[in-house]
Amino acid sequence: MDLSDELENAAWRKATKSGPNQGDCLEVAPLSEGRVGLRDTEAPEKAPFVVSASVWDAFIDGAKKGEFDCDTMSQGVSEPRRMEAP
């Protein structure tokens, strides 16, 4: 199966915290070879972003460690955090 067919038939899922309104969320889908597809719930017709297993693993690890937290986001200001080298 080629990637476009795989994406069309993918089992997309989103976080339960996002609620039932289908907005303000990203969806993810596991793909072959460990890849992961990502798409915006507000624009599912647009081409998804596909990352390798190692990129996805690094992202999830960083998210769990809080590396992407935006402490000042509620005030409309987002300060970037420096990531540690592996």
PDB file of N, CA and C in Angstrom:
ATOM      1  N   MET A   1       0.843  -1.173   0.000  1.00  0.00           N
ATOM      2  CA  MET A   1       0.000   0.000   0.000  1.00  0.00           C
ATOM      3  C   MET A   1       0.891   1.241   0.000  1.00  0.00           C
ATOM      4  N   ASP A   2       0.591   2.198  -0.878  1.00  0.00           N
ATOM      5  CA  ASP A   2       1.415   3.404  -0.893  1.00  0.00           C
ATOM      6  C   ASP A   2       0.946   4.364   0.209  1.00  0.00           C
ATOM      7  N   LEU A   3       1.752   5.388   0.477  1.00  0.00           N
ATOM      8  CA  LEU A   3       1.501   6.277   1.607  1.00  0.00           C
ATOM      9  C   LEU A   3       0.161   6.999   1.487  1.00  0.00           C
ATOM     10  N   SER A   4      -0.204   7.463   0.300  1.00  0.00           N
ATOM     11  CA  SER A   4      -1.473   8.186   0.171  1.00  0.00           C
ATOM     12  C   SER A   4      -2.661   7.276   0.498  1.00  0.00           C
ATOM     13  N   ASP A   5      -2.617   6.015   0.078  1.00  0.00           N
ATOM     14  CA  ASP A   5      -3.680   5.066   0.429  1.00  0.00           C
ATOM     15  C   ASP A   5      -3.682   4.790   1.932  1.00  0.00           C
ATOM     16  N   GLU A   6      -2.490   4.669   2.471  1.00  0.00           N
ATOM     17  CA  GLU A   6      -2.370   4.399   3.903  1.00  0.00           C
ATOM     18  C   GLU A   6      -2.952   5.546   4.732  1.00  0.00           C
ATOM     19  N   LEU A   7      -2.671   6.790   4.325  1.00  0.00           N
ATOM     20  CA  LEU A   7      -3.195   7.947   5.041  1.00  0.00           C
ATOM     21  C   LEU A   7      -4.719   8.039   4.920  1.00  0.00           C
ATOM     22  N   GLU A   8      -5.238   7.712   3.757  1.00  0.00           N
ATOM     23  CA  GLU A   8      -6.682   7.758   3.537  1.00  0.00           C
ATOM     24  C   GLU A   8      -7.417   6.743   4.411  1.00  0.00           C
ATOM     25  N   ASN A   9      -6.796   5.614   4.667  1.00  0.00           N
ATOM     26  CA  ASN A   9      -7.411   4.548   5.452  1.00  0.00           C
ATOM     27  C   ASN A   9      -6.906   4.479   6.894  1.00  0.00           C
ATOM     28  N   ALA A  10      -6.134   5.472   7.306  1.00  0.00           N
ATOM     29  CA  ALA A  10      -5.521   5.463   8.638  1.00  0.00           C
ATOM     30  C   ALA A  10      -6.577   5.570   9.742  1.00  0.00           C
ATOM     31  N   ALA A  11      -6.225   5.039  10.902  1.00  0.00           N
ATOM     32  CA  ALA A  11      -7.077   5.118  12.100  1.00  0.00           C
ATOM     33  C   ALA A  11      -6.693   6.373  12.879  1.00  0.00           C
ATOM     34  N   TRP A  12      -7.265   7.515  12.503  1.00  0.00           N
ATOM     35  CA  TRP A  12      -6.947   8.790  13.143  1.00  0.00           C
ATOM     36  C   TRP A  12      -7.582   8.848  14.535  1.00  0.00           C
ATOM     37  N   ARG A  13      -6.834   9.414  15.481  1.00  0.00           N
ATOM     38  CA  ARG A  13      -7.375   9.585  16.826  1.00  0.00           C
ATOM     39  C   ARG A  13      -6.864  10.905  17.407  1.00  0.00           C
ATOM     40  N   LYS A  14      -7.608  11.407  18.379  1.00  0.00           N
ATOM     41  CA  LYS A  14      -7.234  12.657  19.028  1.00  0.00           C
ATOM     42  C   LYS A  14      -7.361  12.494  20.531  1.00  0.00           C
ATOM     43  N   ALA A  15      -6.816  13.427  21.262  1.00  0.00           N
ATOM     44  CA  ALA A  15      -6.864  13.374  22.719  1.00  0.00           C
ATOM     45  C   ALA A  15      -8.302  13.528  23.204  1.00  0.00           C
ATOM     46  N   THR A  16      -8.661  12.788  24.227  1.00  0.00           N
ATOM     47  CA  THR A  16     -10.012  12.894  24.778  1.00  0.00           C
ATOM     48  C   THR A  16     -10.255  14.273  25.390  1.00  0.00           C
ATOM     49  N   LYS A  17      -9.224  14.954  25.807  1.00  0.00           N
ATOM     50  CA  LYS A  17      -9.365  16.284  26.395  1.00  0.00           C
ATOM     51  C   LYS A  17      -9.842  17.312  25.366  1.00  0.00           C
ATOM     52  N   SER A  18      -9.689  17.028  24.089  1.00  0.00           N
ATOM     53  CA  SER A  18     -10.048  18.000  23.062  1.00  0.00           C
ATOM     54  C   SER A  18     -11.549  18.221  22.959  1.00  0.00           C
ATOM     55  N   GLY A  19     -12.342  17.306  23.460  1.00  0.00           N
ATOM     56  CA  GLY A  19     -13.789  17.475  23.453  1.00  0.00           C
ATOM     57  C   GLY A  19     -14.436  17.053  22.142  1.00  0.00           C
ATOM     58  N   PRO A  20     -15.751  17.130  22.093  1.00  0.00           N
ATOM     59  CA  PRO A  20     -16.501  16.622  20.945  1.00  0.00           C
ATOM     60  C   PRO A  20     -16.646  17.595  19.778  1.00  0.00           C
ATOM     61  N   ASN A  21     -16.179  18.836  19.891  1.00  0.00           N
ATOM     62  CA  ASN A  21     -16.453  19.837  18.860  1.00  0.00           C
ATOM     63  C   ASN A  21     -15.581  19.721  17.616  1.00  0.00           C
ATOM     64  N   GLN A  22     -14.644  18.791  17.580  1.00  0.00           N
ATOM     65  CA  GLN A  22     -13.764  18.543  16.430  1.00  0.00           C
ATOM     66  C   GLN A  22     -12.772  19.669  16.140  1.00  0.00           C
ATOM     67  N   GLY A  23     -12.651  20.655  16.976  1.00  0.00           N
ATOM     68  CA  GLY A  23     -11.731  21.762  16.726  1.00  0.00           C
ATOM     69  C   GLY A  23     -10.613  21.821  17.740  1.00  0.00           C
ATOM     70  N   ASP A  24      -9.662  22.712  17.497  1.00  0.00           N
ATOM     71  CA  ASP A  24      -8.556  22.983  18.416  1.00  0.00           C
ATOM     72  C   ASP A  24      -7.780  21.736  18.796  1.00  0.00           C
ATOM     73  N   CYS A  25      -7.518  20.881  17.832  1.00  0.00           N
ATOM     74  CA  CYS A  25      -6.838  19.646  18.178  1.00  0.00           C
ATOM     75  C   CYS A  25      -6.044  19.118  16.998  1.00  0.00           C
ATOM     76  N   LEU A  26      -5.068  18.311  17.312  1.00  0.00           N
ATOM     77  CA  LEU A  26      -4.338  17.543  16.306  1.00  0.00           C
ATOM     78  C   LEU A  26      -4.779  16.098  16.413  1.00  0.00           C
ATOM     79  N   GLU A  27      -4.796  15.417  15.283  1.00  0.00           N
ATOM     80  CA  GLU A  27      -5.062  13.988  15.268  1.00  0.00           C
ATOM     81  C   GLU A  27      -3.781  13.275  14.865  1.00  0.00           C
ATOM     82  N   VAL A  28      -3.596  12.076  15.348  1.00  0.00           N
ATOM     83  CA  VAL A  28      -2.444  11.263  14.993  1.00  0.00           C
ATOM     84  C   VAL A  28      -2.923   9.909  14.496  1.00  0.00           C
ATOM     85  N   ALA A  29      -2.112   9.286  13.658  1.00  0.00           N
ATOM     86  CA  ALA A  29      -2.434   7.948  13.161  1.00  0.00           C
ATOM     87  C   ALA A  29      -1.145   7.152  13.019  1.00  0.00           C
ATOM     88  N   PRO A  30      -1.124   5.945  13.552  1.00  0.00           N
ATOM     89  CA  PRO A  30       0.045   5.087  13.348  1.00  0.00           C
ATOM     90  C   PRO A  30       0.074   4.619  11.896  1.00  0.00           C
ATOM     91  N   LEU A  31       1.269   4.601  11.315  1.00  0.00           N
ATOM     92  CA  LEU A  31       1.456   4.186   9.926  1.00  0.00           C
ATOM     93  C   LEU A  31       2.496   3.075   9.853  1.00  0.00           C
ATOM     94  N   SER A  32       2.693   2.539   8.688  1.00  0.00           N
ATOM     95  CA  SER A  32       3.680   1.475   8.516  1.00  0.00           C
ATOM     96  C   SER A  32       5.091   1.989   8.803  1.00  0.00           C
ATOM     97  N   GLU A  33       5.976   1.056   9.064  1.00  0.00           N
ATOM     98  CA  GLU A  33       7.391   1.352   9.334  1.00  0.00           C
ATOM     99  C   GLU A  33       7.568   2.263  10.544  1.00  0.00           C
ATOM    100  N   GLY A  34       6.576   2.297  11.448  1.00  0.00           N
ATOM    101  CA  GLY A  34       6.681   3.088  12.664  1.00  0.00           C
ATOM    102  C   GLY A  34       6.403   4.572  12.489  1.00  0.00           C
ATOM    103  N   ARG A  35       6.088   4.985  11.261  1.00  0.00           N
ATOM    104  CA  ARG A  35       5.819   6.401  11.023  1.00  0.00           C
ATOM    105  C   ARG A  35       4.504   6.791  11.690  1.00  0.00           C
ATOM    106  N   VAL A  36       4.342   8.128  11.864  1.00  0.00           N
ATOM    107  CA  VAL A  36       3.126   8.659  12.460  1.00  0.00           C
ATOM    108  C   VAL A  36       2.641   9.823  11.604  1.00  0.00           C
ATOM    109  N   GLY A  37       1.340   9.827  11.312  1.00  0.00           N
ATOM    110  CA  GLY A  37       0.731  10.943  10.591  1.00  0.00           C
ATOM    111  C   GLY A  37       0.112  11.902  11.583  1.00  0.00           C
ATOM    112  N   LEU A  38       0.194  13.202  11.278  1.00  0.00           N
ATOM    113  CA  LEU A  38      -0.394  14.251  12.115  1.00  0.00           C
ATOM    114  C   LEU A  38      -1.241  15.145  11.222  1.00  0.00           C
ATOM    115  N   ARG A  39      -2.439  15.508  11.689  1.00  0.00           N
ATOM    116  CA  ARG A  39      -3.269  16.437  10.918  1.00  0.00           C
ATOM    117  C   ARG A  39      -4.111  17.289  11.867  1.00  0.00           C
ATOM    118  N   ASP A  40      -4.568  18.416  11.352  1.00  0.00           N
ATOM    119  CA  ASP A  40      -5.400  19.353  12.084  1.00  0.00           C
ATOM    120  C   ASP A  40      -6.854  18.921  11.963  1.00  0.00           C
ATOM    121  N   THR A  41      -7.566  18.806  13.080  1.00  0.00           N
ATOM    122  CA  THR A  41      -8.971  18.388  13.028  1.00  0.00           C
ATOM    123  C   THR A  41      -9.840  19.400  12.292  1.00  0.00           C
ATOM    124  N   GLU A  42      -9.402  20.651  12.251  1.00  0.00           N
ATOM    125  CA  GLU A  42     -10.178  21.675  11.558  1.00  0.00           C
ATOM    126  C   GLU A  42      -9.956  21.653  10.054  1.00  0.00           C
ATOM    127  N   ALA A  43      -8.969  20.909   9.578  1.00  0.00           N
ATOM    128  CA  ALA A  43      -8.676  20.844   8.148  1.00  0.00           C
ATOM    129  C   ALA A  43      -8.222  19.433   7.754  1.00  0.00           C
ATOM    130  N   PRO A  44      -9.054  18.419   8.003  1.00  0.00           N
ATOM    131  CA  PRO A  44      -8.638  17.046   7.703  1.00  0.00           C
ATOM    132  C   PRO A  44      -8.431  16.771   6.215  1.00  0.00           C
ATOM    133  N   GLU A  45      -8.929  17.659   5.364  1.00  0.00           N
ATOM    134  CA  GLU A  45      -8.749  17.483   3.923  1.00  0.00           C
ATOM    135  C   GLU A  45      -7.345  17.879   3.452  1.00  0.00           C
ATOM    136  N   LYS A  46      -6.620  18.620   4.284  1.00  0.00           N
ATOM    137  CA  LYS A  46      -5.249  19.021   3.932  1.00  0.00           C
ATOM    138  C   LYS A  46      -4.299  17.856   4.163  1.00  0.00           C
ATOM    139  N   ALA A  47      -3.197  17.883   3.432  1.00  0.00           N
ATOM    140  CA  ALA A  47      -2.210  16.809   3.540  1.00  0.00           C
ATOM    141  C   ALA A  47      -1.643  16.731   4.956  1.00  0.00           C
ATOM    142  N   PRO A  48      -1.632  15.539   5.545  1.00  0.00           N
ATOM    143  CA  PRO A  48      -1.049  15.379   6.880  1.00  0.00           C
ATOM    144  C   PRO A  48       0.471  15.503   6.839  1.00  0.00           C
ATOM    145  N   PHE A  49       1.036  15.740   7.985  1.00  0.00           N
ATOM    146  CA  PHE A  49       2.475  15.760   8.178  1.00  0.00           C
ATOM    147  C   PHE A  49       2.854  14.365   8.648  1.00  0.00           C
ATOM    148  N   VAL A  50       3.867  13.782   8.045  1.00  0.00           N
ATOM    149  CA  VAL A  50       4.286  12.419   8.408  1.00  0.00           C
ATOM    150  C   VAL A  50       5.711  12.472   8.949  1.00  0.00           C
ATOM    151  N   VAL A  51       5.910  11.846  10.114  1.00  0.00           N
ATOM    152  CA  VAL A  51       7.235  11.808  10.733  1.00  0.00           C
ATOM    153  C   VAL A  51       7.666  10.364  10.959  1.00  0.00           C
ATOM    154  N   SER A  52       8.962  10.172  11.041  1.00  0.00           N
ATOM    155  CA  SER A  52       9.512   8.837  11.304  1.00  0.00           C
ATOM    156  C   SER A  52       9.293   8.457  12.766  1.00  0.00           C
ATOM    157  N   ALA A  53       9.483   7.183  13.046  1.00  0.00           N
ATOM    158  CA  ALA A  53       9.326   6.691  14.415  1.00  0.00           C
ATOM    159  C   ALA A  53      10.282   7.403  15.369  1.00  0.00           C
ATOM    160  N   SER A  54      11.513   7.641  14.948  1.00  0.00           N
ATOM    161  CA  SER A  54      12.482   8.276  15.850  1.00  0.00           C
ATOM    162  C   SER A  54      12.121   9.736  16.126  1.00  0.00           C
ATOM    163  N   VAL A  55      11.585  10.432  15.144  1.00  0.00           N
ATOM    164  CA  VAL A  55      11.154  11.820  15.350  1.00  0.00           C
ATOM    165  C   VAL A  55       9.966  11.852  16.305  1.00  0.00           C
ATOM    166  N   TRP A  56       9.003  10.959  16.098  1.00  0.00           N
ATOM    167  CA  TRP A  56       7.834  10.888  16.976  1.00  0.00           C
ATOM    168  C   TRP A  56       8.255  10.563  18.406  1.00  0.00           C
ATOM    169  N   ASP A  57       9.142   9.590  18.575  1.00  0.00           N
ATOM    170  CA  ASP A  57       9.612   9.215  19.906  1.00  0.00           C
ATOM    171  C   ASP A  57      10.290  10.388  20.606  1.00  0.00           C
ATOM    172  N   ALA A  58      11.104  11.153  19.864  1.00  0.00           N
ATOM    173  CA  ALA A  58      11.791  12.307  20.447  1.00  0.00           C
ATOM    174  C   ALA A  58      10.784  13.384  20.848  1.00  0.00           C
ATOM    175  N   PHE A  59       9.760  13.593  20.018  1.00  0.00           N
ATOM    176  CA  PHE A  59       8.730  14.572  20.349  1.00  0.00           C
ATOM    177  C   PHE A  59       7.961  14.172  21.610  1.00  0.00           C
ATOM    178  N   ILE A  60       7.522  12.927  21.667  1.00  0.00           N
ATOM    179  CA  ILE A  60       6.766  12.450  22.833  1.00  0.00           C
ATOM    180  C   ILE A  60       7.617  12.545  24.098  1.00  0.00           C
ATOM    181  N   ASP A  61       8.883  12.182  23.995  1.00  0.00           N
ATOM    182  CA  ASP A  61       9.783  12.281  25.144  1.00  0.00           C
ATOM    183  C   ASP A  61       9.881  13.733  25.613  1.00  0.00           C
ATOM    184  N   GLY A  62      10.056  14.660  24.682  1.00  0.00           N
ATOM    185  CA  GLY A  62      10.143  16.078  25.036  1.00  0.00           C
ATOM    186  C   GLY A  62       8.851  16.606  25.639  1.00  0.00           C
ATOM    187  N   ALA A  63       7.720  16.165  25.079  1.00  0.00           N
ATOM    188  CA  ALA A  63       6.423  16.610  25.609  1.00  0.00           C
ATOM    189  C   ALA A  63       6.230  16.116  27.038  1.00  0.00           C
ATOM    190  N   LYS A  64       6.593  14.875  27.291  1.00  0.00           N
ATOM    191  CA  LYS A  64       6.453  14.325  28.646  1.00  0.00           C
ATOM    192  C   LYS A  64       7.359  15.040  29.640  1.00  0.00           C
ATOM    193  N   LYS A  65       8.493  15.531  29.169  1.00  0.00           N
ATOM    194  CA  LYS A  65       9.433  16.245  30.043  1.00  0.00           C
ATOM    195  C   LYS A  65       9.081  17.726  30.178  1.00  0.00           C
ATOM    196  N   GLY A  66       8.055  18.187  29.453  1.00  0.00           N
ATOM    197  CA  GLY A  66       7.647  19.586  29.542  1.00  0.00           C
ATOM    198  C   GLY A  66       8.466  20.531  28.690  1.00  0.00           C
ATOM    199  N   GLU A  67       9.243  20.007  27.747  1.00  0.00           N
ATOM    200  CA  GLU A  67      10.106  20.857  26.929  1.00  0.00           C
ATOM    201  C   GLU A  67       9.334  21.804  26.013  1.00  0.00           C
ATOM    202  N   PHE A  68       8.068  21.537  25.771  1.00  0.00           N
ATOM    203  CA  PHE A  68       7.277  22.374  24.872  1.00  0.00           C
ATOM    204  C   PHE A  68       6.231  23.191  25.611  1.00  0.00           C
ATOM    205  N   ASP A  69       6.248  23.152  26.941  1.00  0.00           N
ATOM    206  CA  ASP A  69       5.283  23.910  27.725  1.00  0.00           C
ATOM    207  C   ASP A  69       5.518  25.409  27.520  1.00  0.00           C
ATOM    208  N   CYS A  70       4.452  26.122  27.351  1.00  0.00           N
ATOM    209  CA  CYS A  70       4.525  27.578  27.206  1.00  0.00           C
ATOM    210  C   CYS A  70       3.882  28.188  28.439  1.00  0.00           C
ATOM    211  N   ASP A  71       4.683  28.423  29.456  1.00  0.00           N
ATOM    212  CA  ASP A  71       4.188  28.901  30.737  1.00  0.00           C
ATOM    213  C   ASP A  71       3.470  30.243  30.631  1.00  0.00           C
ATOM    214  N   THR A  72       3.864  31.067  29.670  1.00  0.00           N
ATOM    215  CA  THR A  72       3.267  32.394  29.559  1.00  0.00           C
ATOM    216  C   THR A  72       2.232  32.463  28.450  1.00  0.00           C
ATOM    217  N   MET A  73       1.809  31.338  27.916  1.00  0.00           N
ATOM    218  CA  MET A  73       0.867  31.333  26.799  1.00  0.00           C
ATOM    219  C   MET A  73      -0.439  32.033  27.152  1.00  0.00           C
ATOM    220  N   SER A  74      -0.901  31.909  28.380  1.00  0.00           N
ATOM    221  CA  SER A  74      -2.162  32.533  28.774  1.00  0.00           C
ATOM    222  C   SER A  74      -2.090  34.058  28.711  1.00  0.00           C
ATOM    223  N   GLN A  75      -0.889  34.626  28.780  1.00  0.00           N
ATOM    224  CA  GLN A  75      -0.732  36.073  28.661  1.00  0.00           C
ATOM    225  C   GLN A  75      -0.439  36.492  27.229  1.00  0.00           C
ATOM    226  N   GLY A  76      -0.453  35.528  26.294  1.00  0.00           N
ATOM    227  CA  GLY A  76      -0.214  35.852  24.895  1.00  0.00           C
ATOM    228  C   GLY A  76       1.250  35.942  24.523  1.00  0.00           C
ATOM    229  N   VAL A  77       2.131  35.541  25.426  1.00  0.00           N
ATOM    230  CA  VAL A  77       3.566  35.591  25.161  1.00  0.00           C
ATOM    231  C   VAL A  77       4.124  34.191  25.298  1.00  0.00           C
ATOM    232  N   SER A  78       4.874  33.780  24.321  1.00  0.00           N
ATOM    233  CA  SER A  78       5.457  32.444  24.359  1.00  0.00           C
ATOM    234  C   SER A  78       6.963  32.539  24.289  1.00  0.00           C
ATOM    235  N   GLU A  79       7.612  32.144  25.337  1.00  0.00           N
ATOM    236  CA  GLU A  79       9.078  32.139  25.388  1.00  0.00           C
ATOM    237  C   GLU A  79       9.593  30.771  24.967  1.00  0.00           C
ATOM    238  N   PRO A  80      10.468  30.701  23.977  1.00  0.00           N
ATOM    239  CA  PRO A  80      11.000  29.396  23.585  1.00  0.00           C
ATOM    240  C   PRO A  80      11.910  28.828  24.666  1.00  0.00           C
ATOM    241  N   ARG A  81      11.893  27.515  24.766  1.00  0.00           N
ATOM    242  CA  ARG A  81      12.782  26.831  25.708  1.00  0.00           C
ATOM    243  C   ARG A  81      13.909  26.199  24.917  1.00  0.00           C
ATOM    244  N   ARG A  82      15.077  26.157  25.502  1.00  0.00           N
ATOM    245  CA  ARG A  82      16.207  25.508  24.858  1.00  0.00           C
ATOM    246  C   ARG A  82      16.126  24.017  25.102  1.00  0.00           C
ATOM    247  N   MET A  83      16.372  23.270  24.055  1.00  0.00           N
ATOM    248  CA  MET A  83      16.374  21.815  24.186  1.00  0.00           C
ATOM    249  C   MET A  83      17.791  21.347  24.434  1.00  0.00           C
ATOM    250  N   GLU A  84      17.927  20.357  25.292  1.00  0.00           N
ATOM    251  CA  GLU A  84      19.231  19.790  25.564  1.00  0.00           C
ATOM    252  C   GLU A  84      19.663  18.890  24.420  1.00  0.00           C
ATOM    253  N   ALA A  85      20.930  18.915  24.115  1.00  0.00           N
ATOM    254  CA  ALA A  85      21.451  18.028  23.081  1.00  0.00           C
ATOM    255  C   ALA A  85      21.391  16.587  23.561  1.00  0.00           C
ATOM    256  N   PRO A  86      21.095  15.656  22.638  1.00  0.00           N
ATOM    257  CA  PRO A  86      21.010  14.247  23.064  1.00  0.00           C
ATOM    258  C   PRO A  86      22.330  13.693  23.536  1.00  0.00           C
TER     259      PRO A  86
END
